[in-house]
């Protein structure tokens, strides 16, 4: 099976978990990875060239999924709008670009690790998840773990991941730091803002996003 792997820092704990899961589960030993940014991974999944992946919320609608996602309870630090004379979308994203329109935030959309680096430089910005929470008092769901087949396997992954406190090995933190240009300390701090549990309140947040997106 082919799993769409998005190598943003927000999924680092999940990737660490999956390495261990693959070693302990005979079912998942055959996993291969397709690595790309969210927008391209969405297209691969929808064309069934990827069997499962964290799919952007706007593309995850009506897709089979488990209760795992990339969720911001309040601010997220890595989905921002920077001041700009023109409105500019981020080619790596679909959901975040639409979120900026829903919130009527003008400027340049930045997502992922480059957005986190921008945030860490204390440059002026609007945190889209924070603005969403202030307006609707709900979490924002950026992506859901979607699949085409093997529901039992992905439910097993969901159950195991949610009950596991993932400790990221120092060598993986070091590699991630070198790759992204974000210090290990800042990576660990950033991950405190990310939730993976697609719970009742997160579901309400996603339903509200779909409702507001229809108006665009």
C-alpha atoms as a PDB file:
ATOM      1  CA  UNK A   1       0.000   0.000   0.000  1.00  0.00           C
ATOM      2  CA  UNK A   2       1.097   3.566  -0.666  1.00  0.00           C
ATOM      3  CA  UNK A   3       0.817   6.077   2.172  1.00  0.00           C
ATOM      4  CA  UNK A   4       0.985   9.777   1.372  1.00  0.00           C
ATOM      5  CA  UNK A   5       3.628  11.279   3.632  1.00  0.00           C
ATOM      6  CA  UNK A   6       3.619  15.032   4.204  1.00  0.00           C
ATOM      7  CA  UNK A   7       6.907  15.969   5.811  1.00  0.00           C
ATOM      8  CA  UNK A   8       5.772  19.074   7.640  1.00  0.00           C
ATOM      9  CA  UNK A   9       6.735  19.262  11.290  1.00  0.00           C
ATOM     10  CA  UNK A  10       3.103  19.020  12.374  1.00  0.00           C
ATOM     11  CA  UNK A  11       3.090  15.311  11.462  1.00  0.00           C
ATOM     12  CA  UNK A  12       6.458  14.444  12.995  1.00  0.00           C
ATOM     13  CA  UNK A  13       4.936  12.557  15.978  1.00  0.00           C
ATOM     14  CA  UNK A  14       2.728  10.533  13.639  1.00  0.00           C
ATOM     15  CA  UNK A  15       5.649   9.561  11.410  1.00  0.00           C
ATOM     16  CA  UNK A  16       7.640   8.452  14.466  1.00  0.00           C
ATOM     17  CA  UNK A  17       4.656   6.401  15.599  1.00  0.00           C
ATOM     18  CA  UNK A  18       4.230   4.802  12.169  1.00  0.00           C
ATOM     19  CA  UNK A  19       7.842   3.618  12.123  1.00  0.00           C
ATOM     20  CA  UNK A  20       7.188   1.708  15.330  1.00  0.00           C
ATOM     21  CA  UNK A  21       3.779   0.531  14.182  1.00  0.00           C
ATOM     22  CA  UNK A  22       5.274  -0.869  10.980  1.00  0.00           C
ATOM     23  CA  UNK A  23       7.834  -2.862  12.942  1.00  0.00           C
ATOM     24  CA  UNK A  24       5.213  -4.343  15.257  1.00  0.00           C
ATOM     25  CA  UNK A  25       2.418  -4.925  12.742  1.00  0.00           C
ATOM     26  CA  UNK A  26       2.810  -7.480   9.989  1.00  0.00           C
ATOM     27  CA  UNK A  27      -0.055  -5.828   8.067  1.00  0.00           C
ATOM     28  CA  UNK A  28       1.795  -2.559   7.594  1.00  0.00           C
ATOM     29  CA  UNK A  29       5.212  -3.908   6.686  1.00  0.00           C
ATOM     30  CA  UNK A  30       4.329  -3.504   3.003  1.00  0.00           C
ATOM     31  CA  UNK A  31       3.785   0.267   3.280  1.00  0.00           C
ATOM     32  CA  UNK A  32       5.521   2.457   0.734  1.00  0.00           C
ATOM     33  CA  UNK A  33       5.570   6.226   1.016  1.00  0.00           C
ATOM     34  CA  UNK A  34       4.729   8.940  -1.470  1.00  0.00           C
ATOM     35  CA  UNK A  35       6.194  12.240  -0.258  1.00  0.00           C
ATOM     36  CA  UNK A  36       4.857  15.634  -1.326  1.00  0.00           C
ATOM     37  CA  UNK A  37       3.095  18.791  -0.196  1.00  0.00           C
ATOM     38  CA  UNK A  38      -0.615  18.661   0.803  1.00  0.00           C
ATOM     39  CA  UNK A  39      -2.082  19.995  -2.463  1.00  0.00           C
ATOM     40  CA  UNK A  40      -0.266  17.387  -4.589  1.00  0.00           C
ATOM     41  CA  UNK A  41      -0.966  14.603  -2.104  1.00  0.00           C
ATOM     42  CA  UNK A  42      -4.675  15.451  -2.318  1.00  0.00           C
ATOM     43  CA  UNK A  43      -4.592  14.927  -6.090  1.00  0.00           C
ATOM     44  CA  UNK A  44      -2.711  11.622  -5.792  1.00  0.00           C
ATOM     45  CA  UNK A  45      -5.222  10.353  -3.244  1.00  0.00           C
ATOM     46  CA  UNK A  46      -8.281  11.412  -5.223  1.00  0.00           C
ATOM     47  CA  UNK A  47      -6.876   9.692  -8.325  1.00  0.00           C
ATOM     48  CA  UNK A  48      -6.278   6.594  -6.149  1.00  0.00           C
ATOM     49  CA  UNK A  49      -2.527   6.585  -6.695  1.00  0.00           C
ATOM     50  CA  UNK A  50      -2.186   6.952  -2.925  1.00  0.00           C
ATOM     51  CA  UNK A  51      -4.066   4.535  -0.661  1.00  0.00           C
ATOM     52  CA  UNK A  52      -4.192   6.712   2.458  1.00  0.00           C
ATOM     53  CA  UNK A  53      -2.962  10.114   3.626  1.00  0.00           C
ATOM     54  CA  UNK A  54      -3.765  13.161   5.699  1.00  0.00           C
ATOM     55  CA  UNK A  55      -5.977  14.922   3.173  1.00  0.00           C
ATOM     56  CA  UNK A  56      -6.792  18.632   3.302  1.00  0.00           C
ATOM     57  CA  UNK A  57     -10.198  19.193   4.897  1.00  0.00           C
ATOM     58  CA  UNK A  58     -11.737  20.732   1.809  1.00  0.00           C
ATOM     59  CA  UNK A  59     -10.840  17.574  -0.177  1.00  0.00           C
ATOM     60  CA  UNK A  60     -11.598  15.126   2.644  1.00  0.00           C
ATOM     61  CA  UNK A  61     -15.327  15.823   2.508  1.00  0.00           C
ATOM     62  CA  UNK A  62     -17.247  12.631   1.640  1.00  0.00           C
ATOM     63  CA  UNK A  63     -14.044  10.552   1.811  1.00  0.00           C
ATOM     64  CA  UNK A  64     -13.658   7.606   4.179  1.00  0.00           C
ATOM     65  CA  UNK A  65     -11.611   8.646   7.183  1.00  0.00           C
ATOM     66  CA  UNK A  66     -10.764   7.749  10.765  1.00  0.00           C
ATOM     67  CA  UNK A  67     -10.857  10.081  13.748  1.00  0.00           C
ATOM     68  CA  UNK A  68      -7.343  11.386  13.220  1.00  0.00           C
ATOM     69  CA  UNK A  69      -6.578  14.801  11.824  1.00  0.00           C
ATOM     70  CA  UNK A  70      -4.334  17.844  11.964  1.00  0.00           C
ATOM     71  CA  UNK A  71      -6.215  20.140  14.296  1.00  0.00           C
ATOM     72  CA  UNK A  72      -5.569  23.477  15.983  1.00  0.00           C
ATOM     73  CA  UNK A  73      -7.553  24.083  19.173  1.00  0.00           C
ATOM     74  CA  UNK A  74      -6.636  27.766  19.028  1.00  0.00           C
ATOM     75  CA  UNK A  75      -3.548  29.214  17.316  1.00  0.00           C
ATOM     76  CA  UNK A  76      -1.392  26.991  15.124  1.00  0.00           C
ATOM     77  CA  UNK A  77       1.761  29.093  14.325  1.00  0.00           C
ATOM     78  CA  UNK A  78       2.189  27.533  10.892  1.00  0.00           C
ATOM     79  CA  UNK A  79      -0.815  28.751   8.904  1.00  0.00           C
ATOM     80  CA  UNK A  80      -0.466  32.487   8.555  1.00  0.00           C
ATOM     81  CA  UNK A  81      -1.328  35.437   6.395  1.00  0.00           C
ATOM     82  CA  UNK A  82       1.519  37.927   6.001  1.00  0.00           C
ATOM     83  CA  UNK A  83       0.942  41.559   4.994  1.00  0.00           C
ATOM     84  CA  UNK A  84       1.080  42.004   1.225  1.00  0.00           C
ATOM     85  CA  UNK A  85      -0.175  44.494  -1.338  1.00  0.00           C
ATOM     86  CA  UNK A  86      -1.753  41.621  -3.250  1.00  0.00           C
ATOM     87  CA  UNK A  87      -3.674  38.547  -2.111  1.00  0.00           C
ATOM     88  CA  UNK A  88      -1.446  35.533  -2.712  1.00  0.00           C
ATOM     89  CA  UNK A  89      -2.372  31.882  -2.189  1.00  0.00           C
ATOM     90  CA  UNK A  90       0.084  29.212  -1.083  1.00  0.00           C
ATOM     91  CA  UNK A  91       0.449  26.645  -3.868  1.00  0.00           C
ATOM     92  CA  UNK A  92       1.100  23.910  -1.295  1.00  0.00           C
ATOM     93  CA  UNK A  93      -2.322  24.346   0.299  1.00  0.00           C
ATOM     94  CA  UNK A  94      -6.006  24.286  -0.570  1.00  0.00           C
ATOM     95  CA  UNK A  95      -7.795  24.418   2.766  1.00  0.00           C
ATOM     96  CA  UNK A  96      -5.706  27.276   4.167  1.00  0.00           C
ATOM     97  CA  UNK A  97      -6.234  29.406   1.076  1.00  0.00           C
ATOM     98  CA  UNK A  98      -9.991  28.920   1.404  1.00  0.00           C
ATOM     99  CA  UNK A  99      -9.852  29.601   5.146  1.00  0.00           C
ATOM    100  CA  UNK A 100      -8.276  33.007   4.469  1.00  0.00           C
ATOM    101  CA  UNK A 101     -11.164  33.809   2.119  1.00  0.00           C
ATOM    102  CA  UNK A 102     -13.765  32.623   4.637  1.00  0.00           C
ATOM    103  CA  UNK A 103     -12.216  34.858   7.291  1.00  0.00           C
ATOM    104  CA  UNK A 104     -11.741  37.695   4.783  1.00  0.00           C
ATOM    105  CA  UNK A 105      -8.059  38.031   5.683  1.00  0.00           C
ATOM    106  CA  UNK A 106      -6.087  39.793   2.968  1.00  0.00           C
ATOM    107  CA  UNK A 107      -2.396  39.215   2.208  1.00  0.00           C
ATOM    108  CA  UNK A 108      -0.025  36.331   1.457  1.00  0.00           C
ATOM    109  CA  UNK A 109      -0.979  32.887   2.752  1.00  0.00           C
ATOM    110  CA  UNK A 110       1.922  30.900   4.223  1.00  0.00           C
ATOM    111  CA  UNK A 111       1.658  27.320   5.469  1.00  0.00           C
ATOM    112  CA  UNK A 112       3.918  24.630   6.851  1.00  0.00           C
ATOM    113  CA  UNK A 113       7.505  24.892   7.993  1.00  0.00           C
ATOM    114  CA  UNK A 114       8.220  28.097   6.084  1.00  0.00           C
ATOM    115  CA  UNK A 115       5.291  29.721   7.884  1.00  0.00           C
ATOM    116  CA  UNK A 116       6.655  28.547  11.226  1.00  0.00           C
ATOM    117  CA  UNK A 117      10.063  30.031  10.393  1.00  0.00           C
ATOM    118  CA  UNK A 118       8.315  33.289   9.492  1.00  0.00           C
ATOM    119  CA  UNK A 119       6.433  33.246  12.802  1.00  0.00           C
ATOM    120  CA  UNK A 120       9.635  32.623  14.764  1.00  0.00           C
ATOM    121  CA  UNK A 121      11.145  35.786  13.266  1.00  0.00           C
ATOM    122  CA  UNK A 122       8.353  37.773  14.945  1.00  0.00           C
ATOM    123  CA  UNK A 123       7.220  39.239  11.648  1.00  0.00           C
ATOM    124  CA  UNK A 124       3.703  40.720  11.381  1.00  0.00           C
ATOM    125  CA  UNK A 125       1.057  38.141  10.564  1.00  0.00           C
ATOM    126  CA  UNK A 126      -2.439  36.835  11.204  1.00  0.00           C
ATOM    127  CA  UNK A 127      -2.708  33.297  12.596  1.00  0.00           C
ATOM    128  CA  UNK A 128      -5.683  31.858  10.717  1.00  0.00           C
ATOM    129  CA  UNK A 129      -6.532  29.159  13.280  1.00  0.00           C
ATOM    130  CA  UNK A 130      -6.475  31.722  16.084  1.00  0.00           C
ATOM    131  CA  UNK A 131      -8.738  34.059  14.120  1.00  0.00           C
ATOM    132  CA  UNK A 132     -11.110  31.178  13.354  1.00  0.00           C
ATOM    133  CA  UNK A 133     -11.287  30.238  17.048  1.00  0.00           C
ATOM    134  CA  UNK A 134     -11.894  33.830  18.096  1.00  0.00           C
ATOM    135  CA  UNK A 135     -14.769  34.097  15.626  1.00  0.00           C
ATOM    136  CA  UNK A 136     -16.465  30.720  16.092  1.00  0.00           C
ATOM    137  CA  UNK A 137     -15.061  29.370  19.390  1.00  0.00           C
ATOM    138  CA  UNK A 138     -14.253  26.097  17.624  1.00  0.00           C
ATOM    139  CA  UNK A 139     -11.061  24.212  16.677  1.00  0.00           C
ATOM    140  CA  UNK A 140      -9.958  24.271  13.068  1.00  0.00           C
ATOM    141  CA  UNK A 141      -9.390  20.986  11.258  1.00  0.00           C
ATOM    142  CA  UNK A 142      -6.763  21.291   8.538  1.00  0.00           C
ATOM    143  CA  UNK A 143      -6.716  17.646   7.422  1.00  0.00           C
ATOM    144  CA  UNK A 144      -8.141  14.192   8.080  1.00  0.00           C
ATOM    145  CA  UNK A 145      -6.518  10.777   7.741  1.00  0.00           C
ATOM    146  CA  UNK A 146      -8.416   9.363   4.757  1.00  0.00           C
ATOM    147  CA  UNK A 147      -8.214   5.921   3.179  1.00  0.00           C
ATOM    148  CA  UNK A 148      -9.701   3.978   0.289  1.00  0.00           C
ATOM    149  CA  UNK A 149      -9.636   0.435   1.696  1.00  0.00           C
ATOM    150  CA  UNK A 150      -8.434  -1.540   4.744  1.00  0.00           C
ATOM    151  CA  UNK A 151     -10.668   0.230   7.246  1.00  0.00           C
ATOM    152  CA  UNK A 152      -9.692  -2.177  10.024  1.00  0.00           C
ATOM    153  CA  UNK A 153      -6.009  -1.293   9.627  1.00  0.00           C
ATOM    154  CA  UNK A 154      -6.578   2.462   9.822  1.00  0.00           C
ATOM    155  CA  UNK A 155      -8.934   2.111  12.785  1.00  0.00           C
ATOM    156  CA  UNK A 156      -6.169   0.141  14.471  1.00  0.00           C
ATOM    157  CA  UNK A 157      -3.711   2.953  13.671  1.00  0.00           C
ATOM    158  CA  UNK A 158      -6.183   5.528  15.044  1.00  0.00           C
ATOM    159  CA  UNK A 159      -6.754   3.666  18.294  1.00  0.00           C
ATOM    160  CA  UNK A 160      -3.079   2.937  18.865  1.00  0.00           C
ATOM    161  CA  UNK A 161      -1.845   6.435  17.988  1.00  0.00           C
ATOM    162  CA  UNK A 162      -4.366   8.247  20.185  1.00  0.00           C
ATOM    163  CA  UNK A 163      -3.437   6.207  23.240  1.00  0.00           C
ATOM    164  CA  UNK A 164       0.324   6.458  22.639  1.00  0.00           C
ATOM    165  CA  UNK A 165       2.397   9.284  24.067  1.00  0.00           C
ATOM    166  CA  UNK A 166       4.938   9.615  21.276  1.00  0.00           C
ATOM    167  CA  UNK A 167       8.445  10.521  22.329  1.00  0.00           C
ATOM    168  CA  UNK A 168      10.503  11.825  19.425  1.00  0.00           C
ATOM    169  CA  UNK A 169      14.067  10.466  19.511  1.00  0.00           C
ATOM    170  CA  UNK A 170      16.772  13.102  19.721  1.00  0.00           C
ATOM    171  CA  UNK A 171      18.361  12.039  16.432  1.00  0.00           C
ATOM    172  CA  UNK A 172      15.046  12.488  14.589  1.00  0.00           C
ATOM    173  CA  UNK A 173      14.579  15.903  16.191  1.00  0.00           C
ATOM    174  CA  UNK A 174      18.076  16.809  15.081  1.00  0.00           C
ATOM    175  CA  UNK A 175      17.396  15.669  11.512  1.00  0.00           C
ATOM    176  CA  UNK A 176      14.106  17.593  11.443  1.00  0.00           C
ATOM    177  CA  UNK A 177      15.832  20.688  12.777  1.00  0.00           C
ATOM    178  CA  UNK A 178      18.521  20.564  10.099  1.00  0.00           C
ATOM    179  CA  UNK A 179      15.945  19.944   7.366  1.00  0.00           C
ATOM    180  CA  UNK A 180      13.614  22.760   8.359  1.00  0.00           C
ATOM    181  CA  UNK A 181      15.903  25.331   9.956  1.00  0.00           C
ATOM    182  CA  UNK A 182      13.802  25.288  13.142  1.00  0.00           C
ATOM    183  CA  UNK A 183      15.545  24.597  16.453  1.00  0.00           C
ATOM    184  CA  UNK A 184      14.723  21.426  18.362  1.00  0.00           C
ATOM    185  CA  UNK A 185      13.315  23.492  21.223  1.00  0.00           C
ATOM    186  CA  UNK A 186      11.022  25.394  18.870  1.00  0.00           C
ATOM    187  CA  UNK A 187       9.875  22.177  17.200  1.00  0.00           C
ATOM    188  CA  UNK A 188       8.813  20.708  20.532  1.00  0.00           C
ATOM    189  CA  UNK A 189       7.078  23.926  21.534  1.00  0.00           C
ATOM    190  CA  UNK A 190       5.256  24.110  18.196  1.00  0.00           C
ATOM    191  CA  UNK A 191       3.936  20.565  18.515  1.00  0.00           C
ATOM    192  CA  UNK A 192       2.088  21.571  21.691  1.00  0.00           C
ATOM    193  CA  UNK A 193      -0.278  23.547  19.467  1.00  0.00           C
ATOM    194  CA  UNK A 194      -1.190  20.530  17.304  1.00  0.00           C
ATOM    195  CA  UNK A 195      -3.951  18.083  18.171  1.00  0.00           C
ATOM    196  CA  UNK A 196      -4.663  14.850  16.293  1.00  0.00           C
ATOM    197  CA  UNK A 197      -7.929  13.768  17.929  1.00  0.00           C
ATOM    198  CA  UNK A 198     -10.889  14.404  15.649  1.00  0.00           C
ATOM    199  CA  UNK A 199     -13.299  14.637  18.565  1.00  0.00           C
ATOM    200  CA  UNK A 200     -16.832  16.020  18.837  1.00  0.00           C
ATOM    201  CA  UNK A 201     -15.769  19.659  19.070  1.00  0.00           C
ATOM    202  CA  UNK A 202     -13.372  19.262  16.122  1.00  0.00           C
ATOM    203  CA  UNK A 203     -16.196  17.717  14.092  1.00  0.00           C
ATOM    204  CA  UNK A 204     -18.372  20.749  14.871  1.00  0.00           C
ATOM    205  CA  UNK A 205     -15.517  22.989  13.737  1.00  0.00           C
ATOM    206  CA  UNK A 206     -15.197  21.143  10.437  1.00  0.00           C
ATOM    207  CA  UNK A 207     -18.955  21.221   9.840  1.00  0.00           C
ATOM    208  CA  UNK A 208     -18.902  24.984  10.393  1.00  0.00           C
ATOM    209  CA  UNK A 209     -16.012  25.368   7.943  1.00  0.00           C
ATOM    210  CA  UNK A 210     -17.894  23.436   5.264  1.00  0.00           C
ATOM    211  CA  UNK A 211     -20.930  25.641   5.878  1.00  0.00           C
ATOM    212  CA  UNK A 212     -18.923  28.865   5.584  1.00  0.00           C
ATOM    213  CA  UNK A 213     -16.961  27.580   2.572  1.00  0.00           C
ATOM    214  CA  UNK A 214     -20.199  27.122   0.605  1.00  0.00           C
ATOM    215  CA  UNK A 215     -20.702  30.881   0.740  1.00  0.00           C
ATOM    216  CA  UNK A 216     -17.454  31.570  -1.132  1.00  0.00           C
END
